Amino acid sequence: MMRFATYTAADETFYGVITDAGAIALSPDFPDWPSLREVIEADALHTLAQAAQGRAVTHILDQITYQIPVPRPEKIICVGVNFPDRNAEYKDGQEAPPNMSLFPRFARSFTGSGRPLIRPPESPQLDYEGEIAIVIGKGGRRIAEADAYDHIAAISLCNEGTIRDWVRHAKFNVTQGKNWDSSGAIGPWLVPFTAPAQLDDIRLTTKVNGELRQDDRTSRMLFPIRRQIAYISTFTTLVPGDIIVTGTPTGAGARFDPPRFLKPGDVIEVEGEGIGILRNTVEDEA
């Protein structure tokens, strides 16, 4: 499995391939592609894979700090309430709605794998949401569901960290509870998308301090990923590098009685079958 990441080492940012032995920096070889966003726009992940063949490791893993894999995406769009048990949590007697709930997140609200999620002084209600993230490779408008997978370049993982009481500050939106700086994470890397089996029915779990909190499969999504791409591209043009965060299963901390929000020192691990593990700790904002 090829794994592409953006990382820093010795105060310099690179992109390249992650192997069990370490990282292979490839960005110095491709000055026309300053980041993985430009690589994706050029449909050139396969070029990076070829360039990595036979190359020596340039950085050991202990030397690197992961960043968000795709820097400065034009759009990050998140899908809410997208698993049956998650819908049932609302106890409103309603079946799944005919259309999906959506909200935007800003790139600054995410950090990389291995880095702390930041709990702000304004609220102790930092919560976790483990999700699959897809990265658009081929842009488009009004994309047909049958063609949707042709528009995915890569897949990753997301901890869509949320400040729970701030999503209740207004009547109709959740944006302010979803966009605190470094409250969530994406990563640790991108896995190229090559076959439907990578998304159609994979297991997604979230553990907090080793305790399994979320556990479901993508085949149970109320709005499958093909439908997400078709629906979102109806009203906005998707472009290479855009990220869709596809929905979280039941089991977030807010749904426990009493709630089990994250606190400094906690370790959260989001795992997607065939993708990897996104691991973060928690710190209070300095």
C-alpha atoms as a PDB file:
ATOM      1  CA  MET A   1       0.000   0.000   0.000  1.00  0.00           C
ATOM      2  CA  MET A   2       1.465   3.333  -1.081  1.00  0.00           C
ATOM      3  CA  ARG A   3       1.188   6.100   1.524  1.00  0.00           C
ATOM      4  CA  PHE A   4       1.784   9.763   0.641  1.00  0.00           C
ATOM      5  CA  ALA A   5       2.235  12.342   3.379  1.00  0.00           C
ATOM      6  CA  THR A   6       3.098  15.959   4.036  1.00  0.00           C
ATOM      7  CA  TYR A   7       5.500  16.390   6.931  1.00  0.00           C
ATOM      8  CA  THR A   8       8.059  18.678   8.488  1.00  0.00           C
ATOM      9  CA  ALA A   9      11.580  17.778   9.501  1.00  0.00           C
ATOM     10  CA  ALA A  10      14.192  20.198  10.820  1.00  0.00           C
ATOM     11  CA  ASP A  11      11.803  23.123  10.199  1.00  0.00           C
ATOM     12  CA  GLU A  12      11.404  22.246   6.518  1.00  0.00           C
ATOM     13  CA  THR A  13       8.224  20.928   4.919  1.00  0.00           C
ATOM     14  CA  PHE A  14       8.294  17.989   2.529  1.00  0.00           C
ATOM     15  CA  TYR A  15       5.921  15.621   0.844  1.00  0.00           C
ATOM     16  CA  GLY A  16       6.808  12.077   0.000  1.00  0.00           C
ATOM     17  CA  VAL A  17       6.198   8.410   0.658  1.00  0.00           C
ATOM     18  CA  ILE A  18       5.963   6.819   4.095  1.00  0.00           C
ATOM     19  CA  THR A  19       7.459   3.351   4.472  1.00  0.00           C
ATOM     20  CA  ASP A  20       7.919   1.162   7.511  1.00  0.00           C
ATOM     21  CA  ALA A  21      11.586   2.180   7.509  1.00  0.00           C
ATOM     22  CA  GLY A  22      10.962   5.917   7.283  1.00  0.00           C
ATOM     23  CA  ALA A  23       9.970   8.769   4.990  1.00  0.00           C
ATOM     24  CA  ILE A  24      11.251   9.298   1.455  1.00  0.00           C
ATOM     25  CA  ALA A  25      11.152  13.002   0.598  1.00  0.00           C
ATOM     26  CA  LEU A  26      10.110  13.538  -3.018  1.00  0.00           C
ATOM     27  CA  SER A  27       9.146  17.214  -3.090  1.00  0.00           C
ATOM     28  CA  PRO A  28      12.714  18.420  -3.824  1.00  0.00           C
ATOM     29  CA  ASP A  29      12.534  16.494  -7.111  1.00  0.00           C
ATOM     30  CA  PHE A  30       9.316  18.173  -8.251  1.00  0.00           C
ATOM     31  CA  PRO A  31       9.628  21.957  -7.869  1.00  0.00           C
ATOM     32  CA  ASP A  32       6.673  22.501 -10.212  1.00  0.00           C
ATOM     33  CA  TRP A  33       4.463  20.773  -7.637  1.00  0.00           C
ATOM     34  CA  PRO A  34       5.073  22.625  -4.365  1.00  0.00           C
ATOM     35  CA  SER A  35       2.563  20.510  -2.426  1.00  0.00           C
ATOM     36  CA  LEU A  36       0.445  17.385  -2.710  1.00  0.00           C
ATOM     37  CA  ARG A  37      -2.419  19.606  -3.805  1.00  0.00           C
ATOM     38  CA  GLU A  38      -0.558  20.390  -7.038  1.00  0.00           C
ATOM     39  CA  VAL A  39       0.406  16.737  -7.407  1.00  0.00           C
ATOM     40  CA  ILE A  40      -3.264  15.785  -7.225  1.00  0.00           C
ATOM     41  CA  GLU A  41      -4.225  18.551  -9.671  1.00  0.00           C
ATOM     42  CA  ALA A  42      -1.677  17.057 -12.107  1.00  0.00           C
ATOM     43  CA  ASP A  43      -3.056  13.538 -11.524  1.00  0.00           C
ATOM     44  CA  ALA A  44       0.485  12.572 -10.625  1.00  0.00           C
ATOM     45  CA  LEU A  45       0.354  10.389  -7.523  1.00  0.00           C
ATOM     46  CA  HIS A  46       1.459   7.523  -9.766  1.00  0.00           C
ATOM     47  CA  THR A  47       4.475   9.631 -10.794  1.00  0.00           C
ATOM     48  CA  LEU A  48       5.466   9.977  -7.138  1.00  0.00           C
ATOM     49  CA  ALA A  49       5.041   6.249  -6.629  1.00  0.00           C
ATOM     50  CA  GLN A  50       7.389   5.534  -9.518  1.00  0.00           C
ATOM     51  CA  ALA A  51       9.908   8.091  -8.265  1.00  0.00           C
ATOM     52  CA  ALA A  52      10.001   6.406  -4.858  1.00  0.00           C
ATOM     53  CA  GLN A  53      11.004   3.021  -6.251  1.00  0.00           C
ATOM     54  CA  GLY A  54      14.480   2.046  -5.064  1.00  0.00           C
ATOM     55  CA  ARG A  55      14.980   5.300  -3.169  1.00  0.00           C
ATOM     56  CA  ALA A  56      16.599   5.401   0.237  1.00  0.00           C
ATOM     57  CA  VAL A  57      14.815   6.744   3.292  1.00  0.00           C
ATOM     58  CA  THR A  58      15.572  10.434   3.850  1.00  0.00           C
ATOM     59  CA  HIS A  59      14.015  10.840   7.315  1.00  0.00           C
ATOM     60  CA  ILE A  60      13.392   8.352  10.088  1.00  0.00           C
ATOM     61  CA  LEU A  61       9.857   8.456  11.406  1.00  0.00           C
ATOM     62  CA  ASP A  62      10.918   9.830  14.791  1.00  0.00           C
ATOM     63  CA  GLN A  63      12.287  12.903  12.992  1.00  0.00           C
ATOM     64  CA  ILE A  64       9.087  13.911  11.216  1.00  0.00           C
ATOM     65  CA  THR A  65       5.928  15.770  12.202  1.00  0.00           C
ATOM     66  CA  TYR A  66       2.862  15.034  10.117  1.00  0.00           C
ATOM     67  CA  GLN A  67       0.885  17.890   8.602  1.00  0.00           C
ATOM     68  CA  ILE A  68      -2.533  17.806   6.946  1.00  0.00           C
ATOM     69  CA  PRO A  69      -1.807  15.771   3.795  1.00  0.00           C
ATOM     70  CA  VAL A  70      -3.351  18.295   1.374  1.00  0.00           C
ATOM     71  CA  PRO A  71      -2.466  21.845   2.413  1.00  0.00           C
ATOM     72  CA  ARG A  72      -4.861  24.720   1.760  1.00  0.00           C
ATOM     73  CA  PRO A  73      -7.703  22.787   0.116  1.00  0.00           C
ATOM     74  CA  GLU A  74     -10.259  25.066  -1.478  1.00  0.00           C
ATOM     75  CA  LYS A  75     -13.091  23.300   0.333  1.00  0.00           C
ATOM     76  CA  ILE A  76     -13.553  20.910   3.228  1.00  0.00           C
ATOM     77  CA  ILE A  77     -17.175  19.769   3.365  1.00  0.00           C
ATOM     78  CA  CYS A  78     -18.406  17.499   6.137  1.00  0.00           C
ATOM     79  CA  VAL A  79     -21.432  15.198   6.139  1.00  0.00           C
ATOM     80  CA  GLY A  80     -23.397  14.992   9.394  1.00  0.00           C
ATOM     81  CA  VAL A  81     -25.644  12.266  10.833  1.00  0.00           C
ATOM     82  CA  ASN A  82     -24.721   9.649   8.247  1.00  0.00           C
ATOM     83  CA  PHE A  83     -25.099   6.326  10.095  1.00  0.00           C
ATOM     84  CA  PRO A  84     -28.394   4.773  11.281  1.00  0.00           C
ATOM     85  CA  ASP A  85     -27.398   4.566  14.948  1.00  0.00           C
ATOM     86  CA  ARG A  86     -26.144   8.141  14.805  1.00  0.00           C
ATOM     87  CA  ASN A  87     -29.515   9.280  13.450  1.00  0.00           C
ATOM     88  CA  ALA A  88     -31.261   7.372  16.246  1.00  0.00           C
ATOM     89  CA  GLU A  89     -29.255   9.308  18.848  1.00  0.00           C
ATOM     90  CA  TYR A  90     -31.422  12.358  18.198  1.00  0.00           C
ATOM     91  CA  LYS A  91     -34.514  10.527  19.551  1.00  0.00           C
ATOM     92  CA  ASP A  92     -36.829  12.647  17.417  1.00  0.00           C
ATOM     93  CA  GLY A  93     -38.718   9.707  15.940  1.00  0.00           C
ATOM     94  CA  GLN A  94     -37.637  10.654  12.447  1.00  0.00           C
ATOM     95  CA  GLU A  95     -36.227   8.350   9.831  1.00  0.00           C
ATOM     96  CA  ALA A  96     -33.188   9.481   7.881  1.00  0.00           C
ATOM     97  CA  PRO A  97     -33.955  12.690   5.989  1.00  0.00           C
ATOM     98  CA  PRO A  98     -34.108  12.606   2.178  1.00  0.00           C
ATOM     99  CA  ASN A  99     -31.023  14.811   1.887  1.00  0.00           C
ATOM    100  CA  MET A 100     -27.783  14.924   3.830  1.00  0.00           C
ATOM    101  CA  SER A 101     -26.739  17.507   6.409  1.00  0.00           C
ATOM    102  CA  LEU A 102     -23.598  19.426   5.405  1.00  0.00           C
ATOM    103  CA  PHE A 103     -21.296  22.007   6.944  1.00  0.00           C
ATOM    104  CA  PRO A 104     -17.915  23.510   6.046  1.00  0.00           C
ATOM    105  CA  ARG A 105     -14.657  23.303   7.940  1.00  0.00           C
ATOM    106  CA  PHE A 106     -11.584  25.428   7.453  1.00  0.00           C
ATOM    107  CA  ALA A 107      -8.133  23.919   6.972  1.00  0.00           C
ATOM    108  CA  ARG A 108      -6.847  25.737  10.059  1.00  0.00           C
ATOM    109  CA  SER A 109      -9.248  23.720  12.201  1.00  0.00           C
ATOM    110  CA  PHE A 110      -7.266  20.540  11.472  1.00  0.00           C
ATOM    111  CA  THR A 111      -3.813  19.386  12.504  1.00  0.00           C
ATOM    112  CA  GLY A 112      -1.730  16.375  11.508  1.00  0.00           C
ATOM    113  CA  SER A 113      -1.444  12.909  12.970  1.00  0.00           C
ATOM    114  CA  GLY A 114       0.625  12.616  16.112  1.00  0.00           C
ATOM    115  CA  ARG A 115      -0.040  16.220  17.094  1.00  0.00           C
ATOM    116  CA  PRO A 116      -2.345  17.367  19.896  1.00  0.00           C
ATOM    117  CA  LEU A 117      -5.917  18.425  19.436  1.00  0.00           C
ATOM    118  CA  ILE A 118      -6.289  21.763  21.177  1.00  0.00           C
ATOM    119  CA  ARG A 119      -8.988  22.302  23.796  1.00  0.00           C
ATOM    120  CA  PRO A 120      -9.830  26.018  24.030  1.00  0.00           C
ATOM    121  CA  PRO A 121     -10.385  27.883  27.302  1.00  0.00           C
ATOM    122  CA  GLU A 122     -13.904  28.829  26.216  1.00  0.00           C
ATOM    123  CA  SER A 123     -15.252  25.279  26.586  1.00  0.00           C
ATOM    124  CA  PRO A 124     -14.301  21.893  28.079  1.00  0.00           C
ATOM    125  CA  GLN A 125     -16.571  20.076  25.609  1.00  0.00           C
ATOM    126  CA  LEU A 126     -14.017  18.886  23.049  1.00  0.00           C
ATOM    127  CA  ASP A 127     -15.393  15.736  21.437  1.00  0.00           C
ATOM    128  CA  TYR A 128     -14.117  13.211  18.880  1.00  0.00           C
ATOM    129  CA  GLU A 129     -15.682  11.961  15.640  1.00  0.00           C
ATOM    130  CA  GLY A 130     -13.819   9.328  13.622  1.00  0.00           C
ATOM    131  CA  GLU A 131     -14.471   9.509   9.880  1.00  0.00           C
ATOM    132  CA  ILE A 132     -13.238   8.565   6.423  1.00  0.00           C
ATOM    133  CA  ALA A 133     -12.024  11.500   4.324  1.00  0.00           C
ATOM    134  CA  ILE A 134     -11.908  11.454   0.541  1.00  0.00           C
ATOM    135  CA  VAL A 135      -9.799  13.763  -1.611  1.00  0.00           C
ATOM    136  CA  ILE A 136     -11.144  14.865  -4.970  1.00  0.00           C
ATOM    137  CA  GLY A 137      -8.784  14.256  -7.867  1.00  0.00           C
ATOM    138  CA  LYS A 138     -10.866  15.163 -10.885  1.00  0.00           C
ATOM    139  CA  GLY A 139     -13.101  18.177 -10.512  1.00  0.00           C
ATOM    140  CA  GLY A 140     -16.603  18.492 -11.791  1.00  0.00           C
ATOM    141  CA  ARG A 141     -20.141  19.809 -11.445  1.00  0.00           C
ATOM    142  CA  ARG A 142     -23.313  17.711 -11.295  1.00  0.00           C
ATOM    143  CA  ILE A 143     -21.329  14.496 -11.188  1.00  0.00           C
ATOM    144  CA  ALA A 144     -23.441  11.377 -11.690  1.00  0.00           C
ATOM    145  CA  GLU A 145     -23.384   8.811  -8.885  1.00  0.00           C
ATOM    146  CA  ALA A 146     -22.255   6.166 -11.377  1.00  0.00           C
ATOM    147  CA  ASP A 147     -19.191   8.283 -12.173  1.00  0.00           C
ATOM    148  CA  ALA A 148     -18.464   9.553  -8.673  1.00  0.00           C
ATOM    149  CA  TYR A 149     -15.621   7.194  -7.825  1.00  0.00           C
ATOM    150  CA  ASP A 150     -13.763   8.351 -10.936  1.00  0.00           C
ATOM    151  CA  HIS A 151     -13.377  11.735  -9.203  1.00  0.00           C
ATOM    152  CA  ILE A 152     -11.569  10.435  -6.088  1.00  0.00           C
ATOM    153  CA  ALA A 153      -7.783  10.660  -5.979  1.00  0.00           C
ATOM    154  CA  ALA A 154      -7.113   9.329  -2.501  1.00  0.00           C
ATOM    155  CA  ILE A 155      -8.576   8.478   0.890  1.00  0.00           C
ATOM    156  CA  SER A 156      -7.501   9.400   4.395  1.00  0.00           C
ATOM    157  CA  LEU A 157      -8.834   9.549   7.950  1.00  0.00           C
ATOM    158  CA  CYS A 158     -10.313  12.374   9.969  1.00  0.00           C
ATOM    159  CA  ASN A 159     -10.985  13.066  13.623  1.00  0.00           C
ATOM    160  CA  GLU A 160     -13.657  15.696  13.166  1.00  0.00           C
ATOM    161  CA  GLY A 161     -13.173  17.234  16.615  1.00  0.00           C
ATOM    162  CA  THR A 162     -16.086  19.318  17.817  1.00  0.00           C
ATOM    163  CA  ILE A 163     -16.740  21.821  20.606  1.00  0.00           C
ATOM    164  CA  ARG A 164     -20.181  20.535  21.514  1.00  0.00           C
ATOM    165  CA  ASP A 165     -21.784  23.473  23.296  1.00  0.00           C
ATOM    166  CA  TRP A 166     -20.697  25.817  20.493  1.00  0.00           C
ATOM    167  CA  VAL A 167     -22.686  23.857  17.900  1.00  0.00           C
ATOM    168  CA  ARG A 168     -25.773  24.924  19.887  1.00  0.00           C
ATOM    169  CA  HIS A 169     -25.034  28.653  19.865  1.00  0.00           C
ATOM    170  CA  ALA A 170     -27.487  29.341  17.056  1.00  0.00           C
ATOM    171  CA  LYS A 171     -30.678  27.877  15.666  1.00  0.00           C
ATOM    172  CA  PHE A 172     -29.670  26.521  12.287  1.00  0.00           C
ATOM    173  CA  ASN A 173     -25.897  26.079  12.066  1.00  0.00           C
ATOM    174  CA  VAL A 174     -23.012  24.196  13.647  1.00  0.00           C
ATOM    175  CA  THR A 175     -20.146  26.054  11.969  1.00  0.00           C
ATOM    176  CA  GLN A 176     -18.777  27.772  15.068  1.00  0.00           C
ATOM    177  CA  GLY A 177     -18.573  24.499  16.991  1.00  0.00           C
ATOM    178  CA  LYS A 178     -16.718  22.814  14.157  1.00  0.00           C
ATOM    179  CA  ASN A 179     -13.941  25.258  13.340  1.00  0.00           C
ATOM    180  CA  TRP A 180     -11.802  25.888  16.401  1.00  0.00           C
ATOM    181  CA  ASP A 181      -8.109  26.000  15.489  1.00  0.00           C
ATOM    182  CA  SER A 182      -6.491  22.543  15.647  1.00  0.00           C
ATOM    183  CA  SER A 183      -9.595  20.951  17.157  1.00  0.00           C
ATOM    184  CA  GLY A 184      -9.537  18.085  14.637  1.00  0.00           C
ATOM    185  CA  ALA A 185      -7.038  16.128  12.584  1.00  0.00           C
ATOM    186  CA  ILE A 186      -6.637  14.641   9.107  1.00  0.00           C
ATOM    187  CA  GLY A 187      -4.079  12.029   8.126  1.00  0.00           C
ATOM    188  CA  PRO A 188      -1.685  10.548   8.694  1.00  0.00           C
ATOM    189  CA  TRP A 189      -1.346  10.078   4.943  1.00  0.00           C
ATOM    190  CA  LEU A 190      -3.176   9.634   1.660  1.00  0.00           C
ATOM    191  CA  VAL A 191      -3.803   6.194   0.204  1.00  0.00           C
ATOM    192  CA  PRO A 192      -4.419   6.308  -3.561  1.00  0.00           C
ATOM    193  CA  PHE A 193      -7.948   5.260  -4.470  1.00  0.00           C
ATOM    194  CA  THR A 194      -7.915   2.531  -7.087  1.00  0.00           C
ATOM    195  CA  ALA A 195     -10.895   0.231  -6.422  1.00  0.00           C
ATOM    196  CA  PRO A 196     -14.445   0.468  -4.998  1.00  0.00           C
ATOM    197  CA  ALA A 197     -13.578  -2.130  -2.356  1.00  0.00           C
ATOM    198  CA  GLN A 198     -11.442   0.510  -0.616  1.00  0.00           C
ATOM    199  CA  LEU A 199     -14.608   2.409   0.357  1.00  0.00           C
ATOM    200  CA  ASP A 200     -17.750   0.341  -0.166  1.00  0.00           C
ATOM    201  CA  ASP A 201     -17.588  -1.790   2.984  1.00  0.00           C
ATOM    202  CA  ILE A 202     -14.681  -1.060   5.308  1.00  0.00           C
ATOM    203  CA  ARG A 203     -14.578  -0.985   9.084  1.00  0.00           C
ATOM    204  CA  LEU A 204     -14.164   2.375  10.835  1.00  0.00           C
ATOM    205  CA  THR A 205     -13.315   2.538  14.546  1.00  0.00           C
ATOM    206  CA  THR A 206     -12.383   5.132  17.145  1.00  0.00           C
ATOM    207  CA  LYS A 207     -10.614   4.346  20.401  1.00  0.00           C
ATOM    208  CA  VAL A 208      -9.976   6.693  23.322  1.00  0.00           C
ATOM    209  CA  ASN A 209      -7.153   5.576  25.612  1.00  0.00           C
ATOM    210  CA  GLY A 210      -7.486   2.102  24.101  1.00  0.00           C
ATOM    211  CA  GLU A 211     -11.242   1.849  24.745  1.00  0.00           C
ATOM    212  CA  LEU A 212     -13.370   1.182  21.660  1.00  0.00           C
ATOM    213  CA  ARG A 213     -15.934   3.989  21.376  1.00  0.00           C
ATOM    214  CA  GLN A 214     -17.033   3.949  17.716  1.00  0.00           C
ATOM    215  CA  ASP A 215     -17.318   0.923  15.434  1.00  0.00           C
ATOM    216  CA  ASP A 216     -19.240   0.696  12.162  1.00  0.00           C
ATOM    217  CA  ARG A 217     -18.868  -0.005   8.458  1.00  0.00           C
ATOM    218  CA  THR A 218     -19.116   2.295   5.465  1.00  0.00           C
ATOM    219  CA  SER A 219     -21.696  -0.015   3.867  1.00  0.00           C
ATOM    220  CA  ARG A 220     -24.162   1.194   6.517  1.00  0.00           C
ATOM    221  CA  MET A 221     -23.912   4.881   5.604  1.00  0.00           C
ATOM    222  CA  LEU A 222     -27.300   6.525   5.081  1.00  0.00           C
ATOM    223  CA  PHE A 223     -25.774   8.534   2.239  1.00  0.00           C
ATOM    224  CA  PRO A 224     -23.054   6.490   0.501  1.00  0.00           C
ATOM    225  CA  ILE A 225     -19.953   8.256  -0.725  1.00  0.00           C
ATOM    226  CA  ARG A 226     -21.066   8.103  -4.354  1.00  0.00           C
ATOM    227  CA  ARG A 227     -24.243   9.938  -3.350  1.00  0.00           C
ATOM    228  CA  GLN A 228     -22.246  12.505  -1.367  1.00  0.00           C
ATOM    229  CA  ILE A 229     -20.134  13.424  -4.387  1.00  0.00           C
ATOM    230  CA  ALA A 230     -23.181  13.651  -6.650  1.00  0.00           C
ATOM    231  CA  TYR A 231     -25.201  15.763  -4.212  1.00  0.00           C
ATOM    232  CA  ILE A 232     -22.416  18.153  -3.220  1.00  0.00           C
ATOM    233  CA  SER A 233     -21.345  18.693  -6.816  1.00  0.00           C
ATOM    234  CA  THR A 234     -24.906  19.697  -7.684  1.00  0.00           C
ATOM    235  CA  PHE A 235     -24.524  23.044  -5.922  1.00  0.00           C
ATOM    236  CA  THR A 236     -20.764  23.618  -5.957  1.00  0.00           C
ATOM    237  CA  THR A 237     -17.985  22.785  -8.382  1.00  0.00           C
ATOM    238  CA  LEU A 238     -15.611  20.258  -6.867  1.00  0.00           C
ATOM    239  CA  VAL A 239     -11.951  20.872  -7.645  1.00  0.00           C
ATOM    240  CA  PRO A 240      -8.812  18.749  -7.153  1.00  0.00           C
ATOM    241  CA  GLY A 241      -7.701  18.757  -3.542  1.00  0.00           C
ATOM    242  CA  ASP A 242     -11.176  19.318  -2.098  1.00  0.00           C
ATOM    243  CA  ILE A 243     -11.901  17.104   0.897  1.00  0.00           C
ATOM    244  CA  ILE A 244     -15.198  15.478   1.817  1.00  0.00           C
ATOM    245  CA  VAL A 245     -15.427  14.164   5.391  1.00  0.00           C
ATOM    246  CA  THR A 246     -18.002  11.439   5.067  1.00  0.00           C
ATOM    247  CA  GLY A 247     -19.711  11.018   8.453  1.00  0.00           C
ATOM    248  CA  THR A 248     -19.142   9.486  11.887  1.00  0.00           C
ATOM    249  CA  PRO A 249     -20.735   6.450  13.586  1.00  0.00           C
ATOM    250  CA  THR A 250     -22.511   6.513  16.910  1.00  0.00           C
ATOM    251  CA  GLY A 251     -20.412   6.636  20.082  1.00  0.00           C
ATOM    252  CA  ALA A 252     -19.087  10.188  20.374  1.00  0.00           C
ATOM    253  CA  GLY A 253     -18.435  11.392  23.901  1.00  0.00           C
ATOM    254  CA  ALA A 254     -21.457  13.682  24.043  1.00  0.00           C
ATOM    255  CA  ARG A 255     -23.817  10.711  23.836  1.00  0.00           C
ATOM    256  CA  PHE A 256     -22.653   9.068  27.051  1.00  0.00           C
ATOM    257  CA  ASP A 257     -24.443   9.742  30.354  1.00  0.00           C
ATOM    258  CA  PRO A 258     -22.683  11.638  31.722  1.00  0.00           C
ATOM    259  CA  PRO A 259     -20.834  12.900  28.623  1.00  0.00           C
ATOM    260  CA  ARG A 260     -17.224  11.792  28.201  1.00  0.00           C
ATOM    261  CA  PHE A 261     -15.463  14.738  26.622  1.00  0.00           C
ATOM    262  CA  LEU A 262     -11.766  14.731  25.803  1.00  0.00           C
ATOM    263  CA  LYS A 263      -9.249  16.010  28.312  1.00  0.00           C
ATOM    264  CA  PRO A 264      -5.502  16.711  28.229  1.00  0.00           C
ATOM    265  CA  GLY A 265      -3.483  13.504  28.036  1.00  0.00           C
ATOM    266  CA  ASP A 266      -6.126  11.493  26.221  1.00  0.00           C
ATOM    267  CA  VAL A 267      -5.066   9.490  23.154  1.00  0.00           C
ATOM    268  CA  ILE A 268      -7.550   9.131  20.296  1.00  0.00           C
ATOM    269  CA  GLU A 269      -7.027   6.590  17.516  1.00  0.00           C
ATOM    270  CA  VAL A 270      -9.209   6.587  14.398  1.00  0.00           C
ATOM    271  CA  GLU A 271      -8.628   3.481  12.277  1.00  0.00           C
ATOM    272  CA  GLY A 272      -9.924   2.766   8.803  1.00  0.00           C
ATOM    273  CA  GLU A 273      -9.546  -0.682   7.303  1.00  0.00           C
ATOM    274  CA  GLY A 274      -6.902  -0.561   4.581  1.00  0.00           C
ATOM    275  CA  ILE A 275      -6.003   3.065   5.366  1.00  0.00           C
ATOM    276  CA  GLY A 276      -4.147   3.188   8.678  1.00  0.00           C
ATOM    277  CA  ILE A 277      -4.456   4.841  12.086  1.00  0.00           C
ATOM    278  CA  LEU A 278      -4.825   8.555  12.794  1.00  0.00           C
ATOM    279  CA  ARG A 279      -3.516   9.084  16.320  1.00  0.00           C
ATOM    280  CA  ASN A 280      -3.699  12.322  18.351  1.00  0.00           C
ATOM    281  CA  THR A 281      -3.387  13.493  21.916  1.00  0.00           C
ATOM    282  CA  VAL A 282      -5.129  16.430  23.626  1.00  0.00           C
ATOM    283  CA  GLU A 283      -3.677  19.605  25.107  1.00  0.00           C
ATOM    284  CA  ASP A 284      -5.175  22.761  26.526  1.00  0.00           C
ATOM    285  CA  GLU A 285      -4.584  25.902  24.500  1.00  0.00           C
ATOM    286  CA  ALA A 286      -1.527  27.719  25.784  1.00  0.00           C
END
